[in-house]
């Protein structure tokens, strides 16, 4: 059996697809769904293909 990462016990629910601990709300999947690392590492609210921008200089010489 697999140990729960948040408790000192084995996962109470474990099968061929993964394990689940209802006490701690922890799910481990043996075969994770398809995903792209860029989707996980992207900053929330910023599209992955957004270019970096810097604020424009709004100061005026007097």
PDB file of N, CA and C in Angstrom:
ATOM      1  N   UNK A   1       0.846  -1.194   0.000  1.00  0.00           N
ATOM      2  CA  UNK A   1       0.000   0.000   0.000  1.00  0.00           C
ATOM      3  C   UNK A   1       0.884   1.247   0.000  1.00  0.00           C
ATOM      4  N   UNK A   2       0.295   2.322  -0.468  1.00  0.00           N
ATOM      5  CA  UNK A   2       0.996   3.596  -0.579  1.00  0.00           C
ATOM      6  C   UNK A   2       0.670   4.456   0.638  1.00  0.00           C
ATOM      7  N   UNK A   3       1.660   5.179   1.128  1.00  0.00           N
ATOM      8  CA  UNK A   3       1.473   6.035   2.301  1.00  0.00           C
ATOM      9  C   UNK A   3       0.880   7.379   1.891  1.00  0.00           C
ATOM     10  N   UNK A   4      -0.063   7.883   2.686  1.00  0.00           N
ATOM     11  CA  UNK A   4      -0.634   9.212   2.476  1.00  0.00           C
ATOM     12  C   UNK A   4       0.435  10.248   2.795  1.00  0.00           C
ATOM     13  N   UNK A   5       0.561  11.259   1.934  1.00  0.00           N
ATOM     14  CA  UNK A   5       1.611  12.251   2.153  1.00  0.00           C
ATOM     15  C   UNK A   5       1.282  13.237   3.272  1.00  0.00           C
ATOM     16  N   UNK A   6       0.038  13.265   3.731  1.00  0.00           N
ATOM     17  CA  UNK A   6      -0.352  14.185   4.800  1.00  0.00           C
ATOM     18  C   UNK A   6      -0.669  13.486   6.117  1.00  0.00           C
ATOM     19  N   UNK A   7      -0.536  12.203   6.160  1.00  0.00           N
ATOM     20  CA  UNK A   7      -0.845  11.485   7.390  1.00  0.00           C
ATOM     21  C   UNK A   7       0.093  10.314   7.567  1.00  0.00           C
ATOM     22  N   UNK A   8       0.094   9.767   8.746  1.00  0.00           N
ATOM     23  CA  UNK A   8       0.959   8.633   9.042  1.00  0.00           C
ATOM     24  C   UNK A   8       0.154   7.343   8.891  1.00  0.00           C
ATOM     25  N   UNK A   9      -0.381   7.142   7.664  1.00  0.00           N
ATOM     26  CA  UNK A   9      -1.195   5.963   7.401  1.00  0.00           C
ATOM     27  C   UNK A   9      -1.184   5.654   5.907  1.00  0.00           C
ATOM     28  N   UNK A  10      -1.627   4.456   5.549  1.00  0.00           N
ATOM     29  CA  UNK A  10      -1.769   4.083   4.148  1.00  0.00           C
ATOM     30  C   UNK A  10      -3.038   4.708   3.580  1.00  0.00           C
ATOM     31  N   UNK A  11      -3.057   4.913   2.257  1.00  0.00           N
ATOM     32  CA  UNK A  11      -4.277   5.385   1.618  1.00  0.00           C
ATOM     33  C   UNK A  11      -5.376   4.356   1.843  1.00  0.00           C
ATOM     34  N   UNK A  12      -6.543   4.800   2.337  1.00  0.00           N
ATOM     35  CA  UNK A  12      -7.628   3.853   2.567  1.00  0.00           C
ATOM     36  C   UNK A  12      -8.267   3.360   1.270  1.00  0.00           C
ATOM     37  N   UNK A  13      -8.184   4.146   0.198  1.00  0.00           N
ATOM     38  CA  UNK A  13      -8.781   3.766  -1.081  1.00  0.00           C
ATOM     39  C   UNK A  13      -7.660   3.738  -2.119  1.00  0.00           C
ATOM     40  N   UNK A  14      -7.409   2.558  -2.675  1.00  0.00           N
ATOM     41  CA  UNK A  14      -6.346   2.421  -3.662  1.00  0.00           C
ATOM     42  C   UNK A  14      -6.738   1.348  -4.669  1.00  0.00           C
ATOM     43  N   UNK A  15      -6.570   1.657  -5.963  1.00  0.00           N
ATOM     44  CA  UNK A  15      -6.848   0.677  -7.007  1.00  0.00           C
ATOM     45  C   UNK A  15      -5.848   0.850  -8.147  1.00  0.00           C
ATOM     46  N   UNK A  16      -6.162   0.298  -9.322  1.00  0.00           N
ATOM     47  CA  UNK A  16      -5.234   0.334 -10.452  1.00  0.00           C
ATOM     48  C   UNK A  16      -5.048   1.734 -11.030  1.00  0.00           C
ATOM     49  N   UNK A  17      -5.978   2.670 -10.788  1.00  0.00           N
ATOM     50  CA  UNK A  17      -5.867   4.013 -11.360  1.00  0.00           C
ATOM     51  C   UNK A  17      -5.226   5.030 -10.425  1.00  0.00           C
ATOM     52  N   UNK A  18      -5.227   4.756  -9.109  1.00  0.00           N
ATOM     53  CA  UNK A  18      -4.640   5.702  -8.173  1.00  0.00           C
ATOM     54  C   UNK A  18      -5.035   5.414  -6.740  1.00  0.00           C
ATOM     55  N   UNK A  19      -4.875   6.431  -5.906  1.00  0.00           N
ATOM     56  CA  UNK A  19      -5.194   6.291  -4.484  1.00  0.00           C
ATOM     57  C   UNK A  19      -5.847   7.584  -4.002  1.00  0.00           C
ATOM     58  N   UNK A  20      -6.688   7.455  -2.958  1.00  0.00           N
ATOM     59  CA  UNK A  20      -7.404   8.614  -2.433  1.00  0.00           C
ATOM     60  C   UNK A  20      -7.514   8.517  -0.922  1.00  0.00           C
ATOM     61  N   UNK A  21      -7.285   9.652  -0.246  1.00  0.00           N
ATOM     62  CA  UNK A  21      -7.443   9.736   1.204  1.00  0.00           C
ATOM     63  C   UNK A  21      -8.535  10.763   1.497  1.00  0.00           C
ATOM     64  N   UNK A  22      -9.752  10.328   1.843  1.00  0.00           N
ATOM     65  CA  UNK A  22     -10.835  11.274   2.107  1.00  0.00           C
ATOM     66  C   UNK A  22     -10.574  12.145   3.332  1.00  0.00           C
ATOM     67  N   UNK A  23      -9.823  11.644   4.291  1.00  0.00           N
ATOM     68  CA  UNK A  23      -9.532  12.422   5.500  1.00  0.00           C
ATOM     69  C   UNK A  23      -8.723  13.679   5.179  1.00  0.00           C
ATOM     70  N   UNK A  24      -7.771  13.565   4.259  1.00  0.00           N
ATOM     71  CA  UNK A  24      -6.902  14.693   3.911  1.00  0.00           C
ATOM     72  C   UNK A  24      -7.192  15.278   2.536  1.00  0.00           C
ATOM     73  N   UNK A  25      -8.106  14.665   1.770  1.00  0.00           N
ATOM     74  CA  UNK A  25      -8.445  15.164   0.447  1.00  0.00           C
ATOM     75  C   UNK A  25      -7.312  15.015  -0.553  1.00  0.00           C
ATOM     76  N   UNK A  26      -6.466  14.001  -0.381  1.00  0.00           N
ATOM     77  CA  UNK A  26      -5.308  13.792  -1.248  1.00  0.00           C
ATOM     78  C   UNK A  26      -5.628  12.726  -2.291  1.00  0.00           C
ATOM     79  N   UNK A  27      -5.362  13.052  -3.559  1.00  0.00           N
ATOM     80  CA  UNK A  27      -5.533  12.107  -4.652  1.00  0.00           C
ATOM     81  C   UNK A  27      -4.199  11.924  -5.352  1.00  0.00           C
ATOM     82  N   UNK A  28      -3.824  10.681  -5.608  1.00  0.00           N
ATOM     83  CA  UNK A  28      -2.629  10.375  -6.391  1.00  0.00           C
ATOM     84  C   UNK A  28      -3.079   9.523  -7.570  1.00  0.00           C
ATOM     85  N   UNK A  29      -2.692   9.938  -8.782  1.00  0.00           N
ATOM     86  CA  UNK A  29      -3.030   9.176  -9.979  1.00  0.00           C
ATOM     87  C   UNK A  29      -1.783   8.488 -10.495  1.00  0.00           C
ATOM     88  N   UNK A  30      -1.899   7.215 -10.799  1.00  0.00           N
ATOM     89  CA  UNK A  30      -0.755   6.477 -11.321  1.00  0.00           C
ATOM     90  C   UNK A  30      -0.471   6.894 -12.754  1.00  0.00           C
ATOM     91  N   UNK A  31      -1.521   7.194 -13.520  1.00  0.00           N
ATOM     92  CA  UNK A  31      -1.376   7.649 -14.896  1.00  0.00           C
ATOM     93  C   UNK A  31      -2.062   9.004 -14.995  1.00  0.00           C
ATOM     94  N   UNK A  32      -1.307  10.085 -14.892  1.00  0.00           N
ATOM     95  CA  UNK A  32      -1.934  11.411 -14.912  1.00  0.00           C
ATOM     96  C   UNK A  32      -2.549  11.713 -16.275  1.00  0.00           C
ATOM     97  N   UNK A  33      -3.560  12.586 -16.297  1.00  0.00           N
ATOM     98  CA  UNK A  33      -4.158  12.972 -17.578  1.00  0.00           C
ATOM     99  C   UNK A  33      -3.140  13.736 -18.428  1.00  0.00           C
ATOM    100  N   UNK A  34      -3.396  13.821 -19.720  1.00  0.00           N
ATOM    101  CA  UNK A  34      -2.497  14.570 -20.604  1.00  0.00           C
ATOM    102  C   UNK A  34      -2.537  16.045 -20.235  1.00  0.00           C
ATOM    103  N   UNK A  35      -1.376  16.650 -20.159  1.00  0.00           N
ATOM    104  CA  UNK A  35      -1.278  18.073 -19.877  1.00  0.00           C
ATOM    105  C   UNK A  35       0.030  18.582 -20.449  1.00  0.00           C
ATOM    106  N   UNK A  36       0.136  19.885 -20.563  1.00  0.00           N
ATOM    107  CA  UNK A  36       1.377  20.515 -21.011  1.00  0.00           C
ATOM    108  C   UNK A  36       1.996  21.232 -19.818  1.00  0.00           C
ATOM    109  N   UNK A  37       3.295  21.069 -19.638  1.00  0.00           N
ATOM    110  CA  UNK A  37       3.966  21.735 -18.522  1.00  0.00           C
ATOM    111  C   UNK A  37       3.758  23.238 -18.571  1.00  0.00           C
ATOM    112  N   UNK A  38       3.684  23.807 -19.774  1.00  0.00           N
ATOM    113  CA  UNK A  38       3.466  25.248 -19.897  1.00  0.00           C
ATOM    114  C   UNK A  38       2.142  25.665 -19.284  1.00  0.00           C
ATOM    115  N   UNK A  39       1.126  24.791 -19.363  1.00  0.00           N
ATOM    116  CA  UNK A  39      -0.165  25.105 -18.751  1.00  0.00           C
ATOM    117  C   UNK A  39      -0.040  25.192 -17.238  1.00  0.00           C
ATOM    118  N   UNK A  40       0.803  24.346 -16.653  1.00  0.00           N
ATOM    119  CA  UNK A  40       0.966  24.351 -15.206  1.00  0.00           C
ATOM    120  C   UNK A  40       1.851  25.495 -14.738  1.00  0.00           C
ATOM    121  N   UNK A  41       2.817  25.885 -15.554  1.00  0.00           N
ATOM    122  CA  UNK A  41       3.797  26.880 -15.139  1.00  0.00           C
ATOM    123  C   UNK A  41       3.423  28.301 -15.518  1.00  0.00           C
ATOM    124  N   UNK A  42       2.364  28.460 -16.300  1.00  0.00           N
ATOM    125  CA  UNK A  42       1.955  29.795 -16.724  1.00  0.00           C
ATOM    126  C   UNK A  42       1.426  30.600 -15.532  1.00  0.00           C
ATOM    127  N   UNK A  43       1.665  31.884 -15.573  1.00  0.00           N
ATOM    128  CA  UNK A  43       1.153  32.762 -14.528  1.00  0.00           C
ATOM    129  C   UNK A  43      -0.350  32.910 -14.724  1.00  0.00           C
ATOM    130  N   UNK A  44      -1.141  32.804 -13.662  1.00  0.00           N
ATOM    131  CA  UNK A  44      -2.600  32.889 -13.800  1.00  0.00           C
ATOM    132  C   UNK A  44      -3.024  34.174 -14.500  1.00  0.00           C
ATOM    133  N   UNK A  45      -3.932  34.045 -15.453  1.00  0.00           N
ATOM    134  CA  UNK A  45      -4.459  35.210 -16.151  1.00  0.00           C
ATOM    135  C   UNK A  45      -3.591  35.719 -17.285  1.00  0.00           C
ATOM    136  N   UNK A  46      -2.433  35.101 -17.519  1.00  0.00           N
ATOM    137  CA  UNK A  46      -1.538  35.545 -18.582  1.00  0.00           C
ATOM    138  C   UNK A  46      -1.450  34.436 -19.622  1.00  0.00           C
ATOM    139  N   UNK A  47      -1.819  34.702 -20.866  1.00  0.00           N
ATOM    140  CA  UNK A  47      -1.692  33.674 -21.897  1.00  0.00           C
ATOM    141  C   UNK A  47      -0.243  33.237 -22.045  1.00  0.00           C
ATOM    142  N   UNK A  48      -0.027  31.970 -22.371  1.00  0.00           N
ATOM    143  CA  UNK A  48       1.330  31.439 -22.485  1.00  0.00           C
ATOM    144  C   UNK A  48       2.144  32.128 -23.565  1.00  0.00           C
ATOM    145  N   UNK A  49       1.493  32.609 -24.607  1.00  0.00           N
ATOM    146  CA  UNK A  49       2.237  33.214 -25.704  1.00  0.00           C
ATOM    147  C   UNK A  49       2.340  34.735 -25.586  1.00  0.00           C
ATOM    148  N   UNK A  50       1.940  35.295 -24.443  1.00  0.00           N
ATOM    149  CA  UNK A  50       2.022  36.743 -24.242  1.00  0.00           C
ATOM    150  C   UNK A  50       3.480  37.166 -24.143  1.00  0.00           C
ATOM    151  N   UNK A  51       3.806  38.247 -24.821  1.00  0.00           N
ATOM    152  CA  UNK A  51       5.160  38.767 -24.740  1.00  0.00           C
ATOM    153  C   UNK A  51       5.293  39.632 -23.498  1.00  0.00           C
ATOM    154  N   UNK A  52       6.505  39.668 -22.968  1.00  0.00           N
ATOM    155  CA  UNK A  52       6.742  40.515 -21.802  1.00  0.00           C
ATOM    156  C   UNK A  52       6.670  41.967 -22.231  1.00  0.00           C
ATOM    157  N   UNK A  53       6.014  42.750 -21.435  1.00  0.00           N
ATOM    158  CA  UNK A  53       5.940  44.175 -21.728  1.00  0.00           C
ATOM    159  C   UNK A  53       6.399  44.939 -20.508  1.00  0.00           C
ATOM    160  N   UNK A  54       6.910  46.108 -20.752  1.00  0.00           N
ATOM    161  CA  UNK A  54       7.320  46.977 -19.654  1.00  0.00           C
ATOM    162  C   UNK A  54       6.476  48.229 -19.726  1.00  0.00           C
ATOM    163  N   UNK A  55       6.199  48.831 -18.595  1.00  0.00           N
ATOM    164  CA  UNK A  55       5.399  50.063 -18.614  1.00  0.00           C
ATOM    165  C   UNK A  55       6.110  51.136 -19.435  1.00  0.00           C
ATOM    166  N   UNK A  56       5.336  51.877 -20.211  1.00  0.00           N
ATOM    167  CA  UNK A  56       5.956  52.945 -21.011  1.00  0.00           C
ATOM    168  C   UNK A  56       6.303  54.113 -20.107  1.00  0.00           C
ATOM    169  N   UNK A  57       7.297  54.855 -20.530  1.00  0.00           N
ATOM    170  CA  UNK A  57       7.759  56.016 -19.771  1.00  0.00           C
ATOM    171  C   UNK A  57       6.788  57.156 -20.013  1.00  0.00           C
ATOM    172  N   UNK A  58       6.061  57.541 -18.982  1.00  0.00           N
ATOM    173  CA  UNK A  58       5.070  58.616 -19.137  1.00  0.00           C
ATOM    174  C   UNK A  58       5.569  59.937 -18.607  1.00  0.00           C
ATOM    175  N   UNK A  59       6.828  59.972 -18.169  1.00  0.00           N
ATOM    176  CA  UNK A  59       7.350  61.246 -17.652  1.00  0.00           C
ATOM    177  C   UNK A  59       7.627  62.196 -18.806  1.00  0.00           C
ATOM    178  N   UNK A  60       7.395  63.449 -18.553  1.00  0.00           N
ATOM    179  CA  UNK A  60       7.623  64.480 -19.583  1.00  0.00           C
ATOM    180  C   UNK A  60       8.692  65.437 -19.100  1.00  0.00           C
ATOM    181  N   UNK A  61       9.604  65.815 -19.996  1.00  0.00           N
ATOM    182  CA  UNK A  61      10.631  66.781 -19.622  1.00  0.00           C
ATOM    183  C   UNK A  61      10.019  68.174 -19.607  1.00  0.00           C
ATOM    184  N   UNK A  62      10.298  68.951 -18.561  1.00  0.00           N
ATOM    185  CA  UNK A  62       9.726  70.292 -18.466  1.00  0.00           C
ATOM    186  C   UNK A  62      10.749  71.332 -18.808  1.00  0.00           C
TER     187      UNK A  62
END
